[in-house]
PDB file of N, CA and C in Angstrom:
ATOM      1  N   MET A   1      17.158 -12.008  26.028  1.00  0.00           N
ATOM      2  CA  MET A   1      16.628 -10.831  26.628  1.00  0.00           C
ATOM      3  C   MET A   1      16.644 -10.139  25.230  1.00  0.00           C
ATOM      4  N   ASN A   2      15.546  -9.787  24.813  1.00  0.00           N
ATOM      5  CA  ASN A   2      15.808  -9.041  23.609  1.00  0.00           C
ATOM      6  C   ASN A   2      15.071  -7.400  24.290  1.00  0.00           C
ATOM      7  N   PRO A   3      16.054  -6.652  23.765  1.00  0.00           N
ATOM      8  CA  PRO A   3      15.954  -5.058  24.056  1.00  0.00           C
ATOM      9  C   PRO A   3      14.414  -4.656  23.271  1.00  0.00           C
ATOM     10  N   ARG A   4      13.791  -3.639  23.875  1.00  0.00           N
ATOM     11  CA  ARG A   4      12.536  -3.040  23.538  1.00  0.00           C
ATOM     12  C   ARG A   4      13.084  -2.134  21.995  1.00  0.00           C
ATOM     13  N   LEU A   5      12.633  -2.070  20.809  1.00  0.00           N
ATOM     14  CA  LEU A   5      13.129  -1.826  19.818  1.00  0.00           C
ATOM     15  C   LEU A   5      12.800  -0.584  19.286  1.00  0.00           C
ATOM     16  N   GLU A   6      11.310  -0.130  19.966  1.00  0.00           N
ATOM     17  CA  GLU A   6      10.770   1.075  20.216  1.00  0.00           C
ATOM     18  C   GLU A   6      10.414   2.141  21.008  1.00  0.00           C
ATOM     19  N   TYR A   7      10.725   3.198  20.998  1.00  0.00           N
ATOM     20  CA  TYR A   7      10.942   4.264  22.587  1.00  0.00           C
ATOM     21  C   TYR A   7       9.521   4.007  23.512  1.00  0.00           C
ATOM     22  N   ALA A   8       9.829   4.229  25.030  1.00  0.00           N
ATOM     23  CA  ALA A   8       8.643   4.504  25.718  1.00  0.00           C
ATOM     24  C   ALA A   8       7.894   5.626  25.434  1.00  0.00           C
ATOM     25  N   PRO A   9       6.742   5.741  26.000  1.00  0.00           N
ATOM     26  CA  PRO A   9       5.773   6.770  25.474  1.00  0.00           C
ATOM     27  C   PRO A   9       6.820   7.862  25.838  1.00  0.00           C
ATOM     28  N   ALA A  10       7.221   8.206  27.485  1.00  0.00           N
ATOM     29  CA  ALA A  10       7.791   9.428  27.293  1.00  0.00           C
ATOM     30  C   ALA A  10       9.113   9.512  27.586  1.00  0.00           C
ATOM     31  N   GLU A  11      10.180   8.626  26.634  1.00  0.00           N
ATOM     32  CA  GLU A  11      11.328   8.433  26.789  1.00  0.00           C
ATOM     33  C   GLU A  11      11.982   9.561  25.908  1.00  0.00           C
ATOM     34  N   ILE A  12      12.739  10.466  26.303  1.00  0.00           N
ATOM     35  CA  ILE A  12      13.403  11.054  25.634  1.00  0.00           C
ATOM     36  C   ILE A  12      14.841  10.354  25.040  1.00  0.00           C
ATOM     37  N   PRO A  13      15.368  10.357  23.563  1.00  0.00           N
ATOM     38  CA  PRO A  13      16.919   9.792  23.781  1.00  0.00           C
ATOM     39  C   PRO A  13      17.242  10.842  23.376  1.00  0.00           C
ATOM     40  N   PRO A  14      18.889  10.717  23.200  1.00  0.00           N
ATOM     41  CA  PRO A  14      19.639  11.843  22.823  1.00  0.00           C
ATOM     42  C   PRO A  14      19.662  11.911  20.673  1.00  0.00           C
ATOM     43  N   PHE A  15      19.438  10.948  20.569  1.00  0.00           N
ATOM     44  CA  PHE A  15      19.134  10.989  19.017  1.00  0.00           C
ATOM     45  C   PHE A  15      17.986  10.180  18.467  1.00  0.00           C
ATOM     46  N   ALA A  16      17.759  10.287  17.621  1.00  0.00           N
ATOM     47  CA  ALA A  16      16.871   9.622  16.628  1.00  0.00           C
ATOM     48  C   ALA A  16      17.212   9.392  15.266  1.00  0.00           C
ATOM     49  N   PHE A  17      16.220   8.526  14.606  1.00  0.00           N
ATOM     50  CA  PHE A  17      16.319   8.085  13.080  1.00  0.00           C
ATOM     51  C   PHE A  17      15.097   9.075  12.584  1.00  0.00           C
ATOM     52  N   CYS A  18      15.433   9.687  11.467  1.00  0.00           N
ATOM     53  CA  CYS A  18      14.043  10.561  11.230  1.00  0.00           C
ATOM     54  C   CYS A  18      14.146  10.658   9.553  1.00  0.00           C
ATOM     55  N   GLU A  19      13.038  11.092   8.927  1.00  0.00           N
ATOM     56  CA  GLU A  19      12.670  11.157   7.897  1.00  0.00           C
ATOM     57  C   GLU A  19      12.506  12.360   6.913  1.00  0.00           C
ATOM     58  N   PRO A  20      12.738  13.161   6.283  1.00  0.00           N
ATOM     59  CA  PRO A  20      12.384  14.228   5.465  1.00  0.00           C
ATOM     60  C   PRO A  20      10.608  13.867   5.007  1.00  0.00           C
ATOM     61  N   VAL A  21      10.003  15.445   5.114  1.00  0.00           N
ATOM     62  CA  VAL A  21       8.403  15.526   4.691  1.00  0.00           C
ATOM     63  C   VAL A  21       8.610  14.772   3.063  1.00  0.00           C
ATOM     64  N   TRP A  22       9.864  14.915   2.174  1.00  0.00           N
ATOM     65  CA  TRP A  22       9.333  14.759   0.804  1.00  0.00           C
ATOM     66  C   TRP A  22      10.048  13.204   0.521  1.00  0.00           C
ATOM     67  N   VAL A  23       9.926  12.277   1.411  1.00  0.00           N
ATOM     68  CA  VAL A  23      10.692  11.216   1.454  1.00  0.00           C
ATOM     69  C   VAL A  23       9.741  10.173   0.801  1.00  0.00           C
ATOM     70  N   THR A  24      10.144   9.222  -0.372  1.00  0.00           N
ATOM     71  CA  THR A  24       9.889   8.260  -1.222  1.00  0.00           C
ATOM     72  C   THR A  24      10.197   7.152  -1.323  1.00  0.00           C
ATOM     73  N   GLY A  25       9.511   5.989  -1.252  1.00  0.00           N
ATOM     74  CA  GLY A  25      10.174   4.613  -1.096  1.00  0.00           C
ATOM     75  C   GLY A  25      11.020   4.833  -0.162  1.00  0.00           C
ATOM     76  N   PRO A  26      11.339   3.291  -0.475  1.00  0.00           N
ATOM     77  CA  PRO A  26      12.659   3.299   0.807  1.00  0.00           C
ATOM     78  C   PRO A  26      14.074   3.687   0.629  1.00  0.00           C
ATOM     79  N   ALA A  27      13.845   5.103   0.989  1.00  0.00           N
ATOM     80  CA  ALA A  27      15.103   5.658   1.696  1.00  0.00           C
ATOM     81  C   ALA A  27      16.063   5.774   2.433  1.00  0.00           C
ATOM     82  N   PRO A  28      17.107   5.721   2.502  1.00  0.00           N
ATOM     83  CA  PRO A  28      17.691   5.704   3.337  1.00  0.00           C
ATOM     84  C   PRO A  28      17.378   6.873   5.172  1.00  0.00           C
ATOM     85  N   TRP A  29      17.377   5.761   5.850  1.00  0.00           N
ATOM     86  CA  TRP A  29      16.968   7.247   7.079  1.00  0.00           C
ATOM     87  C   TRP A  29      18.062   8.053   7.989  1.00  0.00           C
ATOM     88  N   CYS A  30      17.651   9.043   8.249  1.00  0.00           N
ATOM     89  CA  CYS A  30      18.763   9.806   9.107  1.00  0.00           C
ATOM     90  C   CYS A  30      18.485   9.803  10.503  1.00  0.00           C
ATOM     91  N   ILE A  31      19.452  10.733  10.948  1.00  0.00           N
ATOM     92  CA  ILE A  31      19.579  10.757  12.468  1.00  0.00           C
ATOM     93  C   ILE A  31      19.899  11.969  12.914  1.00  0.00           C
ATOM     94  N   ARG A  32      19.074  12.646  13.532  1.00  0.00           N
ATOM     95  CA  ARG A  32      18.995  13.797  14.122  1.00  0.00           C
ATOM     96  C   ARG A  32      19.232  13.968  16.010  1.00  0.00           C
ATOM     97  N   PRO A  33      20.137  14.895  16.067  1.00  0.00           N
ATOM     98  CA  PRO A  33      20.244  14.913  17.648  1.00  0.00           C
ATOM     99  C   PRO A  33      18.717  15.448  18.163  1.00  0.00           C
ATOM    100  N   VAL A  34      17.656  15.071  19.383  1.00  0.00           N
ATOM    101  CA  VAL A  34      17.168  15.007  19.733  1.00  0.00           C
ATOM    102  C   VAL A  34      17.174  16.300  21.038  1.00  0.00           C
ATOM    103  N   ASN A  35      16.005  17.519  20.511  1.00  0.00           N
ATOM    104  CA  ASN A  35      15.900  18.717  21.392  1.00  0.00           C
ATOM    105  C   ASN A  35      15.494  18.143  22.681  1.00  0.00           C
ATOM    106  N   PRO A  36      16.123  18.081  23.854  1.00  0.00           N
ATOM    107  CA  PRO A  36      15.436  17.202  25.533  1.00  0.00           C
ATOM    108  C   PRO A  36      14.709  18.212  25.867  1.00  0.00           C
ATOM    109  N   ALA A  37      14.028  19.495  25.117  1.00  0.00           N
ATOM    110  CA  ALA A  37      12.861  19.905  25.593  1.00  0.00           C
ATOM    111  C   ALA A  37      11.435  19.688  25.033  1.00  0.00           C
ATOM    112  N   THR A  38      11.700  19.235  23.588  1.00  0.00           N
ATOM    113  CA  THR A  38      10.661  18.867  23.082  1.00  0.00           C
ATOM    114  C   THR A  38      10.076  17.473  22.616  1.00  0.00           C
ATOM    115  N   GLY A  39      11.661  16.766  22.567  1.00  0.00           N
ATOM    116  CA  GLY A  39      11.833  15.369  22.332  1.00  0.00           C
ATOM    117  C   GLY A  39      11.395  14.947  21.321  1.00  0.00           C
ATOM    118  N   LEU A  40      11.350  13.502  20.864  1.00  0.00           N
ATOM    119  CA  LEU A  40      10.752  12.943  19.500  1.00  0.00           C
ATOM    120  C   LEU A  40       9.697  13.417  18.896  1.00  0.00           C
ATOM    121  N   ARG A  41       9.519  13.841  18.131  1.00  0.00           N
ATOM    122  CA  ARG A  41       8.762  14.743  17.006  1.00  0.00           C
ATOM    123  C   ARG A  41       8.163  13.189  15.764  1.00  0.00           C
ATOM    124  N   LEU A  42       7.427  12.503  16.712  1.00  0.00           N
ATOM    125  CA  LEU A  42       6.897  11.283  15.840  1.00  0.00           C
ATOM    126  C   LEU A  42       5.767  11.897  14.721  1.00  0.00           C
ATOM    127  N   GLY A  43       5.265  12.865  15.055  1.00  0.00           N
ATOM    128  CA  GLY A  43       4.210  13.276  13.935  1.00  0.00           C
ATOM    129  C   GLY A  43       4.513  14.238  13.211  1.00  0.00           C
ATOM    130  N   GLY A  44       5.764  14.671  13.115  1.00  0.00           N
ATOM    131  CA  GLY A  44       6.755  15.980  12.458  1.00  0.00           C
ATOM    132  C   GLY A  44       6.824  17.201  13.006  1.00  0.00           C
ATOM    133  N   GLY A  45       7.185  18.284  12.112  1.00  0.00           N
ATOM    134  CA  GLY A  45       7.677  19.258  13.275  1.00  0.00           C
ATOM    135  C   GLY A  45       8.963  19.458  13.873  1.00  0.00           C
ATOM    136  N   VAL A  46      10.176  18.175  13.241  1.00  0.00           N
ATOM    137  CA  VAL A  46      11.443  18.203  13.511  1.00  0.00           C
ATOM    138  C   VAL A  46      12.216  19.710  14.002  1.00  0.00           C
ATOM    139  N   ASP A  47      12.661  19.757  15.088  1.00  0.00           N
ATOM    140  CA  ASP A  47      12.995  21.129  15.620  1.00  0.00           C
ATOM    141  C   ASP A  47      14.873  21.384  15.349  1.00  0.00           C
ATOM    142  N   THR A  48      15.398  20.348  14.957  1.00  0.00           N
ATOM    143  CA  THR A  48      16.810  20.104  14.970  1.00  0.00           C
ATOM    144  C   THR A  48      17.085  19.742  13.571  1.00  0.00           C
ATOM    145  N   SER A  49      18.323  19.627  12.458  1.00  0.00           N
ATOM    146  CA  SER A  49      18.657  19.087  11.643  1.00  0.00           C
ATOM    147  C   SER A  49      19.190  17.417  11.885  1.00  0.00           C
ATOM    148  N   SER A  50      19.005  17.066  10.838  1.00  0.00           N
ATOM    149  CA  SER A  50      19.984  15.717  11.046  1.00  0.00           C
ATOM    150  C   SER A  50      21.492  15.983  10.520  1.00  0.00           C
ATOM    151  N   PHE A  51      22.253  14.944  10.893  1.00  0.00           N
ATOM    152  CA  PHE A  51      23.947  15.397  10.433  1.00  0.00           C
ATOM    153  C   PHE A  51      24.052  15.314   9.425  1.00  0.00           C
ATOM    154  N   CYS A  52      23.517  15.024   8.776  1.00  0.00           N
ATOM    155  CA  CYS A  52      24.050  15.410   7.052  1.00  0.00           C
ATOM    156  C   CYS A  52      22.878  16.536   6.120  1.00  0.00           C
ATOM    157  N   GLY A  53      22.050  16.868   7.172  1.00  0.00           N
ATOM    158  CA  GLY A  53      21.275  17.997   6.455  1.00  0.00           C
ATOM    159  C   GLY A  53      20.290  17.418   5.564  1.00  0.00           C
ATOM    160  N   ARG A  54      20.330  16.260   5.540  1.00  0.00           N
ATOM    161  CA  ARG A  54      18.512  16.586   4.350  1.00  0.00           C
ATOM    162  C   ARG A  54      17.880  16.570   5.300  1.00  0.00           C
ATOM    163  N   VAL A  55      17.292  16.293   6.164  1.00  0.00           N
ATOM    164  CA  VAL A  55      16.347  16.385   7.348  1.00  0.00           C
ATOM    165  C   VAL A  55      16.419  17.609   8.083  1.00  0.00           C
ATOM    166  N   HIS A  56      15.638  19.202   7.923  1.00  0.00           N
ATOM    167  CA  HIS A  56      16.043  20.079   8.828  1.00  0.00           C
ATOM    168  C   HIS A  56      14.177  20.644   9.069  1.00  0.00           C
ATOM    169  N   PRO A  57      14.440  21.400  10.157  1.00  0.00           N
ATOM    170  CA  PRO A  57      13.209  21.944  10.624  1.00  0.00           C
ATOM    171  C   PRO A  57      12.519  22.915   9.380  1.00  0.00           C
ATOM    172  N   SER A  58      11.216  22.666   9.521  1.00  0.00           N
ATOM    173  CA  SER A  58      10.571  23.746   8.394  1.00  0.00           C
ATOM    174  C   SER A  58      10.545  25.204   8.772  1.00  0.00           C
ATOM    175  N   ASN A  59      10.962  26.121   7.809  1.00  0.00           N
ATOM    176  CA  ASN A  59      10.755  27.493   8.046  1.00  0.00           C
ATOM    177  C   ASN A  59      10.533  28.041   6.960  1.00  0.00           C
ATOM    178  N   THR A  60      10.489  29.378   6.585  1.00  0.00           N
ATOM    179  CA  THR A  60       9.588  30.261   5.805  1.00  0.00           C
ATOM    180  C   THR A  60      10.682  30.221   4.654  1.00  0.00           C
ATOM    181  N   LYS A  61      11.931  29.750   4.895  1.00  0.00           N
ATOM    182  CA  LYS A  61      13.104  30.352   3.416  1.00  0.00           C
ATOM    183  C   LYS A  61      13.055  29.053   2.956  1.00  0.00           C
ATOM    184  N   THR A  62      12.833  27.888   3.411  1.00  0.00           N
ATOM    185  CA  THR A  62      13.175  26.737   3.093  1.00  0.00           C
ATOM    186  C   THR A  62      11.823  25.562   3.027  1.00  0.00           C
ATOM    187  N   VAL A  63      11.757  24.444   1.752  1.00  0.00           N
ATOM    188  CA  VAL A  63      10.904  23.419   2.341  1.00  0.00           C
ATOM    189  C   VAL A  63      11.610  22.510   3.010  1.00  0.00           C
ATOM    190  N   GLY A  64      11.105  21.854   3.785  1.00  0.00           N
ATOM    191  CA  GLY A  64      11.890  20.958   4.652  1.00  0.00           C
ATOM    192  C   GLY A  64      10.771  20.704   5.879  1.00  0.00           C
ATOM    193  N   GLY A  65      11.270  20.448   7.008  1.00  0.00           N
ATOM    194  CA  GLY A  65      10.439  19.469   7.706  1.00  0.00           C
ATOM    195  C   GLY A  65      10.503  18.021   7.468  1.00  0.00           C
ATOM    196  N   GLY A  66       9.989  17.359   8.997  1.00  0.00           N
ATOM    197  CA  GLY A  66      10.501  15.511   8.912  1.00  0.00           C
ATOM    198  C   GLY A  66       9.812  15.171   9.932  1.00  0.00           C
ATOM    199  N   TRP A  67       9.836  14.127  10.265  1.00  0.00           N
ATOM    200  CA  TRP A  67       9.393  13.339  11.334  1.00  0.00           C
ATOM    201  C   TRP A  67      10.334  12.470  12.166  1.00  0.00           C
ATOM    202  N   ASP A  68      10.239  11.704  13.354  1.00  0.00           N
ATOM    203  CA  ASP A  68      11.403  11.215  14.101  1.00  0.00           C
ATOM    204  C   ASP A  68      10.457   9.927  13.750  1.00  0.00           C
ATOM    205  N   LEU A  69      11.171   8.573  13.602  1.00  0.00           N
ATOM    206  CA  LEU A  69      10.765   7.449  13.583  1.00  0.00           C
ATOM    207  C   LEU A  69      10.563   7.011  15.047  1.00  0.00           C
ATOM    208  N   ASN A  70       9.864   5.704  15.275  1.00  0.00           N
ATOM    209  CA  ASN A  70       9.949   5.161  16.798  1.00  0.00           C
ATOM    210  C   ASN A  70      10.727   3.796  16.588  1.00  0.00           C
ATOM    211  N   VAL A  71      12.044   3.850  16.235  1.00  0.00           N
ATOM    212  CA  VAL A  71      12.884   3.092  15.791  1.00  0.00           C
ATOM    213  C   VAL A  71      14.292   3.580  16.970  1.00  0.00           C
ATOM    214  N   ARG A  72      14.368   2.721  17.813  1.00  0.00           N
ATOM    215  CA  ARG A  72      15.581   2.938  18.572  1.00  0.00           C
ATOM    216  C   ARG A  72      16.766   2.745  17.649  1.00  0.00           C
ATOM    217  N   ILE A  73      17.622   3.573  17.580  1.00  0.00           N
ATOM    218  CA  ILE A  73      19.260   3.441  17.196  1.00  0.00           C
ATOM    219  C   ILE A  73      19.587   1.903  17.583  1.00  0.00           C
ATOM    220  N   THR A  74      19.824   1.227  16.666  1.00  0.00           N
ATOM    221  CA  THR A  74      20.374  -0.238  16.880  1.00  0.00           C
ATOM    222  C   THR A  74      21.681  -0.551  15.972  1.00  0.00           C
ATOM    223  N   GLU A  75      22.784  -1.447  16.098  1.00  0.00           N
ATOM    224  CA  GLU A  75      23.392  -1.392  14.749  1.00  0.00           C
ATOM    225  C   GLU A  75      23.355  -1.832  13.525  1.00  0.00           C
ATOM    226  N   HIS A  76      21.926  -2.546  13.793  1.00  0.00           N
ATOM    227  CA  HIS A  76      21.694  -2.953  12.752  1.00  0.00           C
ATOM    228  C   HIS A  76      21.068  -2.207  11.879  1.00  0.00           C
ATOM    229  N   HIS A  77      20.209  -1.331  12.437  1.00  0.00           N
ATOM    230  CA  HIS A  77      19.475  -0.524  11.877  1.00  0.00           C
ATOM    231  C   HIS A  77      20.344   0.876  11.174  1.00  0.00           C
ATOM    232  N   LEU A  78      21.261   0.574  11.764  1.00  0.00           N
ATOM    233  CA  LEU A  78      22.370   1.851  10.992  1.00  0.00           C
ATOM    234  C   LEU A  78      22.487   1.313   9.443  1.00  0.00           C
ATOM    235  N   GLY A  79      22.123  -0.346   9.215  1.00  0.00           N
ATOM    236  CA  GLY A  79      22.410  -0.583   8.174  1.00  0.00           C
ATOM    237  C   GLY A  79      21.849  -0.059   6.719  1.00  0.00           C
ATOM    238  N   HIS A  80      20.510   0.668   7.243  1.00  0.00           N
ATOM    239  CA  HIS A  80      19.624   1.328   6.468  1.00  0.00           C
ATOM    240  C   HIS A  80      19.413   2.289   6.534  1.00  0.00           C
ATOM    241  N   CYS A  81      20.748   3.397   7.454  1.00  0.00           N
ATOM    242  CA  CYS A  81      20.647   4.535   7.085  1.00  0.00           C
ATOM    243  C   CYS A  81      21.448   5.650   6.231  1.00  0.00           C
ATOM    244  N   CYS A  82      21.686   6.936   6.581  1.00  0.00           N
ATOM    245  CA  CYS A  82      22.781   7.589   5.254  1.00  0.00           C
ATOM    246  C   CYS A  82      24.129   7.332   5.685  1.00  0.00           C
ATOM    247  N   PRO A  83      25.135   6.915   5.140  1.00  0.00           N
ATOM    248  CA  PRO A  83      26.404   6.935   5.613  1.00  0.00           C
ATOM    249  C   PRO A  83      26.628   8.242   6.046  1.00  0.00           C
ATOM    250  N   LYS A  84      26.594   9.284   5.799  1.00  0.00           N
ATOM    251  CA  LYS A  84      27.133  10.433   6.523  1.00  0.00           C
ATOM    252  C   LYS A  84      26.372  10.331   8.181  1.00  0.00           C
ATOM    253  N   CYS A  85      25.291  10.216   7.979  1.00  0.00           N
ATOM    254  CA  CYS A  85      24.252  10.321   9.302  1.00  0.00           C
ATOM    255  C   CYS A  85      24.938   9.179  10.391  1.00  0.00           C
ATOM    256  N   ALA A  86      25.231   7.764   9.783  1.00  0.00           N
ATOM    257  CA  ALA A  86      25.677   6.825  10.446  1.00  0.00           C
ATOM    258  C   ALA A  86      27.140   7.061  11.203  1.00  0.00           C
ATOM    259  N   ALA A  87      27.865   7.800  10.299  1.00  0.00           N
ATOM    260  CA  ALA A  87      29.226   8.353  10.599  1.00  0.00           C
ATOM    261  C   ALA A  87      29.464   8.859  11.786  1.00  0.00           C
ATOM    262  N   ALA A  88      28.669  10.098  11.693  1.00  0.00           N
ATOM    263  CA  ALA A  88      28.708  11.062  12.614  1.00  0.00           C
ATOM    264  C   ALA A  88      27.524  10.855  14.109  1.00  0.00           C
ATOM    265  N   TYR A  89      26.550   9.974  13.605  1.00  0.00           N
ATOM    266  CA  TYR A  89      26.739   9.334  15.147  1.00  0.00           C
ATOM    267  C   TYR A  89      27.369   8.177  16.027  1.00  0.00           C
ATOM    268  N   ARG A  90      28.195   7.305  14.690  1.00  0.00           N
ATOM    269  CA  ARG A  90      29.207   6.955  15.346  1.00  0.00           C
ATOM    270  C   ARG A  90      29.804   7.754  16.561  1.00  0.00           C
ATOM    271  N   LYS A  91      30.257   8.563  16.122  1.00  0.00           N
ATOM    272  CA  LYS A  91      31.657   9.894  16.309  1.00  0.00           C
ATOM    273  C   LYS A  91      30.794  10.363  17.608  1.00  0.00           C
ATOM    274  N   ALA A  92      29.939  10.915  17.627  1.00  0.00           N
ATOM    275  CA  ALA A  92      29.152  11.682  18.738  1.00  0.00           C
ATOM    276  C   ALA A  92      29.268  10.794  19.474  1.00  0.00           C
ATOM    277  N   THR A  93      29.323   9.499  19.396  1.00  0.00           N
ATOM    278  CA  THR A  93      28.624   8.197  20.530  1.00  0.00           C
ATOM    279  C   THR A  93      29.864   7.695  21.017  1.00  0.00           C
ATOM    280  N   GLU A  94      31.200   7.623  20.999  1.00  0.00           N
ATOM    281  CA  GLU A  94      32.288   6.746  20.712  1.00  0.00           C
ATOM    282  C   GLU A  94      32.307   6.614  22.207  1.00  0.00           C
ATOM    283  N   ASP A  95      32.819   8.038  22.841  1.00  0.00           N
ATOM    284  CA  ASP A  95      32.772   7.877  24.443  1.00  0.00           C
ATOM    285  C   ASP A  95      31.709   7.192  25.099  1.00  0.00           C
ATOM    286  N   ALA A  96      30.678   7.199  24.701  1.00  0.00           N
ATOM    287  CA  ALA A  96      29.442   7.339  25.464  1.00  0.00           C
ATOM    288  C   ALA A  96      29.714   5.570  26.368  1.00  0.00           C
TER     289      ALA A  96
END
């Protein structure tokens, strides 16, 4: 059985892969905790920062922002992830 690799339309995962608005080319993905009140931000407007701080909410003091990727976090996909985010994600989910 092959698990679903994308999120269901109303699914709100605890963490999501994300990219900053300024990403270019095949940059590594980051991971951020998902705000359960707002859910995934696939079209932009992330409201929490990635574990490494590369992706963060946009505000008037910094150039920021980003979006979530509709890709379920798997061990395979962690290979294309920022090493700091992958380590923090593993630590955050080690008891789960």
